[in-house]
Structures are given as structure tokens and as C-alpha cells.
């Protein structure tokens, strides 16, 4: 009999970023209808670089609704959502598209990335754009920290796991992202 939850990695919540590799995977519901992939990003208000990103997806091969949770960070330490290129990603709903082997723009945003839709900040003046879920450059580049210019940043190994899950997902041409705080 298969277990409902498979622990793939360790919970390295207090470890250094390179060793942190928080990665949990499992089956959420075996009888749910198929839906497009959906990320849930929960910002840790006490430590934005120690937040959690979970990908929920329906397998193309069965009706099981699966999930993968990894450590992630956003911003430069400020919780001001309207601080362009410094603040955390604004709370809300977004659309995302997977871009495999991305090479354009900022050299820090390379390899498999997810493009996040633009958002007008709550002050109704600041537009948060050029947002991605990414790691530190191309695969194999050194990973040093979870700070970003407002994107969601994950480590290299977690990016590979999320990309593999995304590729096996049903309806994976686009997805959703829900950002909240705790």
C-alpha cells in the first residue's frame, strides 16, 4: 500500500541557503478533477527569504492531484510590495507561463523559468513587471541567496524538481500563482 505523502528531501529550515533544500512532495487528492498547474507562494513576514512555494498539479498519467513544496524568497528584505526592484511580490493572483531554457534579459534569470504576469501595486501607481520564478542563472551556476529584485527565487535543485513536475502536469501551457502572507 502506497503512502499518501512521500518525503523527498529534508526540512532544512535553519540551514544555510545552499543546504536548505526544503522539498516535500506527495499526493493531495486521488479523485480530484484535472486542473491547470497552480503555484501557492506564502510570504513569511518575519523572513521573506525563508518563504514557501508549492506547486499543485494534476498528473497527465492519472487523476491524482500532486504537490511539491520548496523554500523560496522574494525581494531584498522589505515587505513593501510597491518598492519596485526591492519589495516582495504583491499579494494577489497571477497567471504564469513556463519558459524552458530562457536566455534573454537579466543574466540572473536563465534556464527554466516561469514568467509571472504584471501587476499594478495597491498604490495604483507602481507597476510590478519583469517578474519570474527563477534560480541563480543557468543550471550549474552557484546559488548564494534567496534575495531578488521582486521575483520569486528558488535554488537550482528545487527549480529542476519543479520543472520536472510542471512538464508532467496536465494542461501545462499556462498556470496560476496565488501569493499570500503569513
N, C-alpha and C. Protein backbone atom coordinates (compact mmCIF):
# COMPACT_ATOMS: atom_id res chain seq x y z
N UNK A 1 0.84 -1.17 0.00
CA UNK A 1 0.00 0.00 0.00
C UNK A 1 0.89 1.23 0.00
N UNK A 2 0.66 2.16 -0.91
CA UNK A 2 1.48 3.36 -1.05
C UNK A 2 1.10 4.38 -0.01
N UNK A 3 2.09 5.10 0.48
CA UNK A 3 1.84 6.17 1.46
C UNK A 3 1.26 7.38 0.74
N UNK A 4 0.45 8.14 1.44
CA UNK A 4 -0.18 9.33 0.85
C UNK A 4 0.80 10.47 0.71
N UNK A 5 1.88 10.47 1.47
CA UNK A 5 2.86 11.55 1.41
C UNK A 5 4.24 10.96 1.34
N UNK A 6 5.01 11.39 0.37
CA UNK A 6 6.37 10.92 0.21
C UNK A 6 7.30 12.08 0.51
N UNK A 7 8.20 11.93 1.44
CA UNK A 7 9.17 12.97 1.74
C UNK A 7 10.37 12.71 0.86
N UNK A 8 10.67 13.68 0.00
CA UNK A 8 11.73 13.52 -0.97
C UNK A 8 13.04 14.08 -0.45
N UNK A 9 12.98 15.11 0.37
CA UNK A 9 14.19 15.74 0.89
C UNK A 9 14.05 15.94 2.38
N UNK A 10 14.88 16.83 2.90
CA UNK A 10 14.83 17.14 4.32
C UNK A 10 14.33 18.55 4.53
N UNK A 11 13.82 18.80 5.70
CA UNK A 11 13.38 20.14 6.04
C UNK A 11 14.57 20.87 6.64
N UNK A 12 15.27 21.62 5.82
CA UNK A 12 16.44 22.35 6.27
C UNK A 12 16.11 23.79 6.56
N UNK A 13 15.12 24.06 7.37
CA UNK A 13 14.64 25.41 7.57
C UNK A 13 15.67 26.32 8.24
N UNK A 14 16.54 25.77 9.06
CA UNK A 14 17.52 26.61 9.73
C UNK A 14 18.91 26.47 9.13
N UNK A 15 19.04 25.71 8.08
CA UNK A 15 20.33 25.51 7.43
C UNK A 15 20.67 26.69 6.53
N UNK A 16 21.92 26.76 6.14
CA UNK A 16 22.34 27.80 5.20
C UNK A 16 21.62 27.59 3.88
N UNK A 17 21.40 28.66 3.07
CA UNK A 17 20.63 28.53 1.83
C UNK A 17 21.07 27.40 0.93
N UNK A 18 22.38 27.19 0.76
CA UNK A 18 22.85 26.14 -0.14
C UNK A 18 22.46 24.76 0.35
N UNK A 19 22.33 24.60 1.69
CA UNK A 19 21.99 23.31 2.25
C UNK A 19 20.51 23.19 2.60
N UNK A 20 19.76 24.28 2.42
CA UNK A 20 18.39 24.31 2.93
C UNK A 20 17.47 23.36 2.18
N UNK A 21 17.53 23.28 0.88
CA UNK A 21 16.79 22.34 0.06
C UNK A 21 15.48 21.80 0.59
N UNK A 22 14.64 22.63 1.16
CA UNK A 22 13.34 22.17 1.62
C UNK A 22 12.57 21.67 0.41
N UNK A 23 12.18 20.42 0.41
CA UNK A 23 11.48 19.88 -0.74
C UNK A 23 10.60 18.74 -0.27
N UNK A 24 9.31 18.96 -0.31
CA UNK A 24 8.35 17.94 0.08
C UNK A 24 7.45 17.67 -1.12
N UNK A 25 7.15 16.42 -1.37
CA UNK A 25 6.27 16.08 -2.49
C UNK A 25 5.28 15.03 -2.03
N UNK A 26 4.13 14.99 -2.66
CA UNK A 26 3.16 13.99 -2.28
C UNK A 26 1.91 14.06 -3.14
N UNK A 27 0.90 13.31 -2.74
CA UNK A 27 -0.38 13.28 -3.43
C UNK A 27 -1.39 13.97 -2.53
N UNK A 28 -2.06 14.98 -3.08
CA UNK A 28 -3.06 15.72 -2.32
C UNK A 28 -4.41 15.02 -2.36
N UNK A 29 -4.84 14.60 -3.55
CA UNK A 29 -6.16 14.00 -3.70
C UNK A 29 -6.14 13.12 -4.94
N UNK A 30 -6.54 11.88 -4.80
CA UNK A 30 -6.52 10.96 -5.93
C UNK A 30 -7.77 11.04 -6.80
N UNK A 31 -8.81 11.72 -6.37
CA UNK A 31 -10.07 11.73 -7.10
C UNK A 31 -10.51 13.11 -7.56
N UNK A 32 -9.63 14.08 -7.47
CA UNK A 32 -9.97 15.42 -7.90
C UNK A 32 -9.94 15.52 -9.42
N UNK A 33 -10.78 16.39 -10.00
CA UNK A 33 -10.76 16.57 -11.44
C UNK A 33 -9.47 17.29 -11.83
N UNK A 34 -9.08 17.11 -13.06
CA UNK A 34 -7.84 17.72 -13.54
C UNK A 34 -7.98 19.23 -13.62
N UNK A 35 -6.94 19.92 -13.20
CA UNK A 35 -6.88 21.38 -13.29
C UNK A 35 -5.48 21.79 -13.71
N UNK A 36 -5.38 23.02 -14.22
CA UNK A 36 -4.07 23.52 -14.63
C UNK A 36 -3.15 23.65 -13.42
N UNK A 37 -1.84 23.65 -13.64
CA UNK A 37 -0.90 23.79 -12.52
C UNK A 37 -1.12 25.12 -11.79
N UNK A 38 -0.92 25.07 -10.49
CA UNK A 38 -1.13 26.27 -9.69
C UNK A 38 -0.06 26.36 -8.61
N UNK A 39 0.65 27.49 -8.58
CA UNK A 39 1.61 27.77 -7.53
C UNK A 39 0.91 28.52 -6.40
N UNK A 40 1.30 28.22 -5.17
CA UNK A 40 0.90 28.99 -4.00
C UNK A 40 2.20 29.47 -3.34
N UNK A 41 2.36 30.78 -3.26
CA UNK A 41 3.55 31.34 -2.63
C UNK A 41 3.10 32.03 -1.34
N UNK A 42 3.60 31.54 -0.22
CA UNK A 42 3.25 32.10 1.08
C UNK A 42 4.47 32.84 1.61
N UNK A 43 4.34 34.17 1.70
CA UNK A 43 5.45 35.01 2.16
C UNK A 43 5.53 34.94 3.68
N UNK A 44 6.69 34.59 4.18
CA UNK A 44 6.96 34.59 5.61
C UNK A 44 7.28 36.04 5.99
N UNK A 45 6.38 36.71 6.71
CA UNK A 45 6.56 38.14 7.00
C UNK A 45 7.73 38.39 7.94
N UNK A 46 8.15 37.40 8.70
CA UNK A 46 9.31 37.57 9.59
C UNK A 46 10.63 37.40 8.86
N UNK A 47 10.62 36.64 7.77
CA UNK A 47 11.84 36.38 6.99
C UNK A 47 11.44 36.09 5.55
N UNK A 48 11.27 37.14 4.70
CA UNK A 48 10.79 36.92 3.33
C UNK A 48 11.66 35.96 2.50
N UNK A 49 12.94 35.82 2.86
CA UNK A 49 13.81 34.90 2.12
C UNK A 49 13.70 33.46 2.63
N UNK A 50 12.81 33.24 3.57
CA UNK A 50 12.55 31.89 4.08
C UNK A 50 11.06 31.59 3.96
N UNK A 51 10.53 31.79 2.76
CA UNK A 51 9.11 31.57 2.46
C UNK A 51 8.93 30.22 1.79
N UNK A 52 7.70 29.87 1.43
CA UNK A 52 7.40 28.58 0.81
C UNK A 52 6.65 28.75 -0.50
N UNK A 53 7.05 27.99 -1.50
CA UNK A 53 6.39 27.94 -2.80
C UNK A 53 5.93 26.50 -3.02
N UNK A 54 4.63 26.32 -3.27
CA UNK A 54 4.07 24.99 -3.51
C UNK A 54 3.45 24.96 -4.90
N UNK A 55 3.79 23.94 -5.66
CA UNK A 55 3.18 23.70 -6.97
C UNK A 55 2.18 22.55 -6.81
N UNK A 56 0.91 22.84 -7.10
CA UNK A 56 -0.13 21.81 -7.16
C UNK A 56 -0.41 21.53 -8.63
N UNK A 57 -0.46 20.26 -9.00
CA UNK A 57 -0.67 19.93 -10.41
C UNK A 57 -1.37 18.58 -10.53
N UNK A 58 -2.08 18.41 -11.63
CA UNK A 58 -2.72 17.13 -11.96
C UNK A 58 -1.80 16.38 -12.90
N UNK A 59 -1.52 15.17 -12.57
CA UNK A 59 -0.66 14.35 -13.41
C UNK A 59 -1.35 14.06 -14.74
N UNK A 60 -0.57 14.06 -15.82
CA UNK A 60 -1.13 13.69 -17.12
C UNK A 60 -1.46 12.21 -17.18
N UNK A 61 -0.90 11.43 -16.28
CA UNK A 61 -1.00 9.98 -16.36
C UNK A 61 -2.11 9.39 -15.51
N UNK A 62 -2.63 10.14 -14.54
CA UNK A 62 -3.75 9.68 -13.73
C UNK A 62 -4.48 10.92 -13.21
N UNK A 63 -5.49 10.74 -12.43
CA UNK A 63 -6.25 11.88 -11.92
C UNK A 63 -5.73 12.38 -10.57
N UNK A 64 -4.59 11.91 -10.15
CA UNK A 64 -4.05 12.32 -8.85
C UNK A 64 -3.62 13.78 -8.89
N UNK A 65 -3.98 14.51 -7.85
CA UNK A 65 -3.56 15.90 -7.68
C UNK A 65 -2.34 15.86 -6.79
N UNK A 66 -1.20 16.25 -7.34
CA UNK A 66 0.08 16.15 -6.64
C UNK A 66 0.58 17.53 -6.22
N UNK A 67 1.60 17.54 -5.36
CA UNK A 67 2.19 18.81 -4.96
C UNK A 67 3.67 18.66 -4.68
N UNK A 68 4.39 19.78 -4.82
CA UNK A 68 5.80 19.88 -4.48
C UNK A 68 5.96 21.21 -3.75
N UNK A 69 6.58 21.20 -2.57
CA UNK A 69 6.81 22.41 -1.79
C UNK A 69 8.31 22.63 -1.63
N UNK A 70 8.76 23.87 -1.89
CA UNK A 70 10.17 24.21 -1.79
C UNK A 70 10.34 25.54 -1.05
N UNK A 71 11.53 25.78 -0.55
CA UNK A 71 11.86 27.08 0.04
C UNK A 71 12.02 28.09 -1.08
N UNK A 72 11.62 29.34 -0.82
CA UNK A 72 11.73 30.40 -1.83
C UNK A 72 11.89 31.74 -1.12
N UNK A 73 12.32 32.74 -1.86
CA UNK A 73 12.45 34.09 -1.32
C UNK A 73 12.00 35.11 -2.34
N UNK A 74 11.71 36.32 -1.86
CA UNK A 74 11.29 37.41 -2.75
C UNK A 74 11.75 38.73 -2.14
N UNK A 75 12.23 39.63 -2.99
CA UNK A 75 12.61 40.96 -2.55
C UNK A 75 13.97 41.01 -1.88
N UNK A 76 14.28 42.19 -1.35
CA UNK A 76 15.57 42.44 -0.70
C UNK A 76 15.46 42.52 0.82
N UNK A 77 14.32 42.13 1.36
CA UNK A 77 14.13 42.14 2.81
C UNK A 77 13.00 43.05 3.26
N UNK A 78 12.58 43.97 2.41
CA UNK A 78 11.46 44.84 2.76
C UNK A 78 10.14 44.16 2.39
N UNK A 79 9.11 44.41 3.18
CA UNK A 79 7.79 43.85 2.90
C UNK A 79 6.93 44.80 2.08
N UNK A 80 7.49 45.94 1.66
CA UNK A 80 6.75 46.92 0.86
C UNK A 80 6.56 46.37 -0.55
N UNK A 81 5.32 46.00 -0.87
CA UNK A 81 5.01 45.42 -2.17
C UNK A 81 5.18 46.42 -3.31
N UNK A 82 5.14 47.72 -3.01
CA UNK A 82 5.23 48.75 -4.04
C UNK A 82 6.66 49.24 -4.26
N UNK A 83 7.63 48.70 -3.55
CA UNK A 83 9.03 49.07 -3.72
C UNK A 83 9.59 48.29 -4.90
N UNK A 84 9.55 48.90 -6.08
CA UNK A 84 9.98 48.23 -7.30
C UNK A 84 11.46 47.86 -7.21
N UNK A 85 11.78 46.64 -7.62
CA UNK A 85 13.14 46.07 -7.60
C UNK A 85 13.71 45.90 -6.19
N UNK A 86 12.87 45.96 -5.14
CA UNK A 86 13.31 45.74 -3.76
C UNK A 86 12.30 44.96 -2.95
N UNK A 87 11.01 45.24 -3.16
CA UNK A 87 9.97 44.66 -2.31
C UNK A 87 9.56 43.26 -2.72
N UNK A 88 8.80 42.64 -1.82
CA UNK A 88 8.27 41.30 -2.11
C UNK A 88 7.21 41.38 -3.19
N UNK A 89 6.91 40.25 -3.77
CA UNK A 89 5.86 40.16 -4.78
C UNK A 89 4.52 40.54 -4.14
N UNK A 90 3.73 41.42 -4.78
CA UNK A 90 2.44 41.81 -4.19
C UNK A 90 1.49 40.63 -4.03
N UNK A 91 0.71 40.67 -2.95
CA UNK A 91 -0.31 39.65 -2.68
C UNK A 91 -1.35 39.71 -3.79
N UNK A 92 -1.81 38.55 -4.25
CA UNK A 92 -2.84 38.51 -5.28
C UNK A 92 -2.74 37.27 -6.15
N UNK A 93 -3.46 37.31 -7.26
CA UNK A 93 -3.49 36.20 -8.22
C UNK A 93 -2.81 36.63 -9.52
N UNK A 94 -2.06 35.71 -10.09
CA UNK A 94 -1.30 35.97 -11.32
C UNK A 94 -1.48 34.80 -12.28
N UNK A 95 -1.16 35.04 -13.55
CA UNK A 95 -1.00 33.93 -14.49
C UNK A 95 0.49 33.70 -14.65
N UNK A 96 0.86 32.46 -14.92
CA UNK A 96 2.27 32.12 -15.15
C UNK A 96 2.39 31.28 -16.41
N UNK A 97 3.50 31.43 -17.07
CA UNK A 97 3.84 30.61 -18.24
C UNK A 97 5.24 30.07 -18.04
N UNK A 98 5.42 28.81 -18.36
CA UNK A 98 6.72 28.16 -18.24
C UNK A 98 7.55 28.45 -19.48
N UNK A 99 8.75 28.96 -19.28
CA UNK A 99 9.68 29.22 -20.38
C UNK A 99 10.91 28.35 -20.17
N UNK A 100 11.00 27.23 -20.88
CA UNK A 100 12.17 26.36 -20.73
C UNK A 100 13.42 26.98 -21.35
N UNK A 101 14.53 26.81 -20.69
CA UNK A 101 15.83 27.24 -21.21
C UNK A 101 15.84 28.72 -21.62
N UNK A 102 15.31 29.57 -20.79
CA UNK A 102 15.22 31.02 -21.05
C UNK A 102 16.61 31.64 -21.07
N UNK A 103 16.89 32.52 -22.04
CA UNK A 103 18.22 33.10 -22.21
C UNK A 103 18.22 34.63 -22.34
N UNK A 104 17.08 35.29 -22.43
CA UNK A 104 17.05 36.74 -22.68
C UNK A 104 17.11 37.53 -21.37
N UNK A 105 17.38 38.83 -21.46
CA UNK A 105 17.29 39.72 -20.31
C UNK A 105 18.38 39.54 -19.28
N UNK A 106 18.02 39.69 -18.03
CA UNK A 106 18.94 39.66 -16.89
C UNK A 106 19.68 38.32 -16.82
N UNK A 107 21.01 38.34 -16.69
CA UNK A 107 21.77 37.08 -16.62
C UNK A 107 21.42 36.22 -15.40
N UNK A 108 20.81 36.82 -14.36
CA UNK A 108 20.41 36.03 -13.19
C UNK A 108 19.18 35.17 -13.49
N UNK A 109 18.45 35.54 -14.55
CA UNK A 109 17.23 34.81 -14.91
C UNK A 109 17.52 33.99 -16.16
N UNK A 110 18.04 32.80 -15.96
CA UNK A 110 18.41 31.90 -17.05
C UNK A 110 17.90 30.51 -16.77
N UNK A 111 17.85 29.68 -17.80
CA UNK A 111 17.40 28.30 -17.62
C UNK A 111 15.88 28.22 -17.59
N UNK A 112 15.35 27.21 -16.93
CA UNK A 112 13.91 27.03 -16.83
C UNK A 112 13.34 28.07 -15.86
N UNK A 113 12.41 28.89 -16.36
CA UNK A 113 11.79 29.93 -15.54
C UNK A 113 10.29 29.95 -15.80
N UNK A 114 9.56 30.57 -14.90
CA UNK A 114 8.13 30.81 -15.06
C UNK A 114 7.93 32.32 -15.09
N UNK A 115 7.33 32.82 -16.16
CA UNK A 115 7.05 34.25 -16.29
C UNK A 115 5.76 34.55 -15.55
N UNK A 116 5.81 35.54 -14.66
CA UNK A 116 4.65 35.94 -13.85
C UNK A 116 4.05 37.19 -14.48
N UNK A 117 2.73 37.24 -14.58
CA UNK A 117 2.06 38.40 -15.18
C UNK A 117 2.34 39.68 -14.39
N UNK A 118 2.26 40.82 -15.08
CA UNK A 118 2.48 42.12 -14.45
C UNK A 118 1.35 42.44 -13.49
N UNK A 119 1.62 43.34 -12.56
CA UNK A 119 0.63 43.71 -11.54
C UNK A 119 0.79 45.19 -11.19
N UNK A 120 -0.34 45.90 -11.13
CA UNK A 120 -0.33 47.26 -10.62
C UNK A 120 -0.42 47.15 -9.10
N UNK A 121 0.49 47.82 -8.43
CA UNK A 121 0.57 47.75 -6.97
C UNK A 121 -0.64 48.42 -6.33
N UNK A 122 -0.84 48.16 -5.05
CA UNK A 122 -2.02 48.69 -4.36
C UNK A 122 -2.05 50.21 -4.28
N UNK A 123 -0.90 50.88 -4.50
CA UNK A 123 -0.90 52.35 -4.53
C UNK A 123 -1.43 52.89 -5.85
N UNK A 124 -1.74 51.99 -6.79
CA UNK A 124 -2.30 52.28 -8.11
C UNK A 124 -1.38 53.13 -8.98
N UNK A 125 -0.10 53.19 -8.65
CA UNK A 125 0.88 53.94 -9.43
C UNK A 125 2.01 53.04 -9.92
N UNK A 126 2.50 52.20 -9.06
CA UNK A 126 3.66 51.37 -9.36
C UNK A 126 3.24 50.10 -10.10
N UNK A 127 3.87 49.85 -11.25
CA UNK A 127 3.62 48.61 -12.00
C UNK A 127 4.79 47.68 -11.71
N UNK A 128 4.47 46.51 -11.18
CA UNK A 128 5.49 45.49 -10.95
C UNK A 128 5.52 44.61 -12.19
N UNK A 129 6.62 44.63 -12.91
CA UNK A 129 6.73 43.87 -14.15
C UNK A 129 8.07 43.15 -14.20
N UNK A 130 8.31 42.42 -15.27
CA UNK A 130 9.51 41.61 -15.42
C UNK A 130 9.69 40.67 -14.24
N UNK A 131 8.64 39.98 -13.88
CA UNK A 131 8.64 39.09 -12.72
C UNK A 131 8.73 37.63 -13.18
N UNK A 132 9.52 36.86 -12.44
CA UNK A 132 9.75 35.45 -12.77
C UNK A 132 9.82 34.62 -11.49
N UNK A 133 9.62 33.32 -11.64
CA UNK A 133 10.07 32.34 -10.66
C UNK A 133 11.35 31.78 -11.28
N UNK A 134 12.46 31.95 -10.59
CA UNK A 134 13.75 31.57 -11.19
C UNK A 134 14.75 31.18 -10.11
N UNK A 135 15.93 30.77 -10.54
CA UNK A 135 17.04 30.48 -9.65
C UNK A 135 18.19 31.40 -10.03
N UNK A 136 19.39 31.09 -9.59
CA UNK A 136 20.56 31.92 -9.89
C UNK A 136 21.17 31.52 -11.22
N UNK A 137 20.68 32.10 -12.30
CA UNK A 137 21.28 31.87 -13.61
C UNK A 137 20.99 30.50 -14.18
N UNK A 138 21.83 30.12 -15.13
CA UNK A 138 21.69 28.85 -15.84
C UNK A 138 21.98 27.68 -14.91
N UNK A 139 21.49 26.49 -15.24
CA UNK A 139 21.80 25.31 -14.42
C UNK A 139 23.30 25.17 -14.21
N UNK A 140 23.68 24.89 -12.97
CA UNK A 140 25.08 24.75 -12.63
C UNK A 140 25.71 26.01 -12.07
N UNK A 141 25.04 27.15 -12.21
CA UNK A 141 25.56 28.40 -11.64
C UNK A 141 25.50 28.30 -10.11
N UNK A 142 26.44 28.95 -9.42
CA UNK A 142 26.42 28.86 -7.95
C UNK A 142 25.19 29.55 -7.36
N UNK A 143 24.62 28.94 -6.32
CA UNK A 143 23.46 29.52 -5.64
C UNK A 143 23.95 30.13 -4.34
N UNK A 144 23.65 31.41 -4.11
CA UNK A 144 24.18 32.09 -2.94
C UNK A 144 23.12 32.55 -1.95
N UNK A 145 21.93 32.93 -2.42
CA UNK A 145 20.93 33.52 -1.52
C UNK A 145 19.55 33.50 -2.18
N UNK A 146 18.54 33.88 -1.41
CA UNK A 146 17.16 33.91 -1.89
C UNK A 146 16.68 35.33 -2.15
N UNK A 147 17.54 36.33 -2.15
CA UNK A 147 17.15 37.72 -2.41
C UNK A 147 16.95 37.93 -3.91
N UNK A 148 15.94 38.77 -4.26
CA UNK A 148 15.65 39.06 -5.66
C UNK A 148 15.27 40.52 -5.82
N UNK A 149 15.04 40.90 -7.05
CA UNK A 149 14.55 42.24 -7.36
C UNK A 149 13.01 42.23 -7.43
N UNK A 150 12.38 41.36 -6.67
CA UNK A 150 10.93 41.29 -6.63
C UNK A 150 10.35 39.99 -7.18
N UNK A 151 11.18 39.19 -7.82
CA UNK A 151 10.73 37.89 -8.34
C UNK A 151 10.62 36.90 -7.18
N UNK A 152 10.32 35.66 -7.52
CA UNK A 152 10.39 34.56 -6.55
C UNK A 152 11.63 33.75 -6.91
N UNK A 153 12.51 33.54 -5.94
CA UNK A 153 13.76 32.83 -6.22
C UNK A 153 13.81 31.52 -5.45
N UNK A 154 14.24 30.48 -6.16
CA UNK A 154 14.39 29.14 -5.59
C UNK A 154 15.79 28.64 -5.91
N UNK A 155 16.25 27.60 -5.22
CA UNK A 155 17.59 27.10 -5.54
C UNK A 155 17.57 26.21 -6.78
N UNK A 156 18.75 25.89 -7.30
CA UNK A 156 18.89 25.16 -8.57
C UNK A 156 18.22 23.78 -8.53
N UNK A 157 18.44 23.02 -7.47
CA UNK A 157 17.87 21.67 -7.40
C UNK A 157 16.35 21.72 -7.32
N UNK A 158 15.83 22.69 -6.56
CA UNK A 158 14.38 22.83 -6.46
C UNK A 158 13.77 23.27 -7.79
N UNK A 159 14.48 24.11 -8.52
CA UNK A 159 13.99 24.52 -9.85
C UNK A 159 13.87 23.30 -10.76
N UNK A 160 14.86 22.43 -10.72
CA UNK A 160 14.82 21.22 -11.55
C UNK A 160 13.63 20.33 -11.16
N UNK A 161 13.37 20.20 -9.85
CA UNK A 161 12.23 19.39 -9.40
C UNK A 161 10.91 19.99 -9.83
N UNK A 162 10.77 21.33 -9.67
CA UNK A 162 9.53 21.99 -10.08
C UNK A 162 9.33 21.91 -11.59
N UNK A 163 10.41 22.08 -12.36
CA UNK A 163 10.31 21.99 -13.82
C UNK A 163 9.90 20.58 -14.25
N UNK A 164 10.44 19.56 -13.61
CA UNK A 164 10.04 18.19 -13.92
C UNK A 164 8.58 17.93 -13.61
N UNK A 165 8.12 18.45 -12.47
CA UNK A 165 6.70 18.30 -12.11
C UNK A 165 5.83 19.06 -13.10
N UNK A 166 6.23 20.27 -13.47
CA UNK A 166 5.45 21.07 -14.42
C UNK A 166 5.34 20.36 -15.76
N UNK A 167 6.44 19.79 -16.24
CA UNK A 167 6.42 19.09 -17.53
C UNK A 167 5.50 17.87 -17.50
N UNK A 168 5.33 17.24 -16.33
CA UNK A 168 4.47 16.06 -16.25
C UNK A 168 3.02 16.43 -15.94
N UNK A 169 2.74 17.72 -15.80
CA UNK A 169 1.40 18.16 -15.42
C UNK A 169 0.45 18.19 -16.61
N UNK A 170 -0.81 17.95 -16.32
CA UNK A 170 -1.88 18.09 -17.31
C UNK A 170 -2.14 19.59 -17.50
N UNK A 171 -2.35 20.03 -18.75
CA UNK A 171 -2.68 21.43 -19.02
C UNK A 171 -1.57 22.39 -18.66
N UNK A 172 -0.33 22.04 -18.99
CA UNK A 172 0.82 22.81 -18.52
C UNK A 172 1.25 23.95 -19.44
N UNK A 173 0.43 24.41 -20.36
CA UNK A 173 0.82 25.55 -21.20
C UNK A 173 0.80 26.85 -20.42
N UNK A 174 -0.05 26.91 -19.41
CA UNK A 174 -0.09 28.08 -18.52
C UNK A 174 -0.61 27.63 -17.17
N UNK A 175 -0.47 28.48 -16.18
CA UNK A 175 -0.94 28.14 -14.85
C UNK A 175 -1.26 29.39 -14.06
N UNK A 176 -1.46 29.20 -12.77
CA UNK A 176 -1.78 30.31 -11.89
C UNK A 176 -0.78 30.38 -10.75
N UNK A 177 -0.71 31.58 -10.16
CA UNK A 177 0.09 31.81 -8.96
C UNK A 177 -0.78 32.60 -7.99
N UNK A 178 -0.86 32.12 -6.76
CA UNK A 178 -1.57 32.84 -5.70
C UNK A 178 -0.54 33.20 -4.64
N UNK A 179 -0.43 34.50 -4.35
CA UNK A 179 0.53 34.99 -3.37
C UNK A 179 -0.23 35.45 -2.13
N UNK A 180 0.21 34.98 -0.96
CA UNK A 180 -0.39 35.40 0.31
C UNK A 180 0.73 35.59 1.34
N UNK A 181 0.35 36.08 2.50
CA UNK A 181 1.31 36.28 3.60
C UNK A 181 0.87 35.49 4.81
N UNK A 182 1.85 35.13 5.63
CA UNK A 182 1.54 34.52 6.93
C UNK A 182 2.46 35.09 7.99
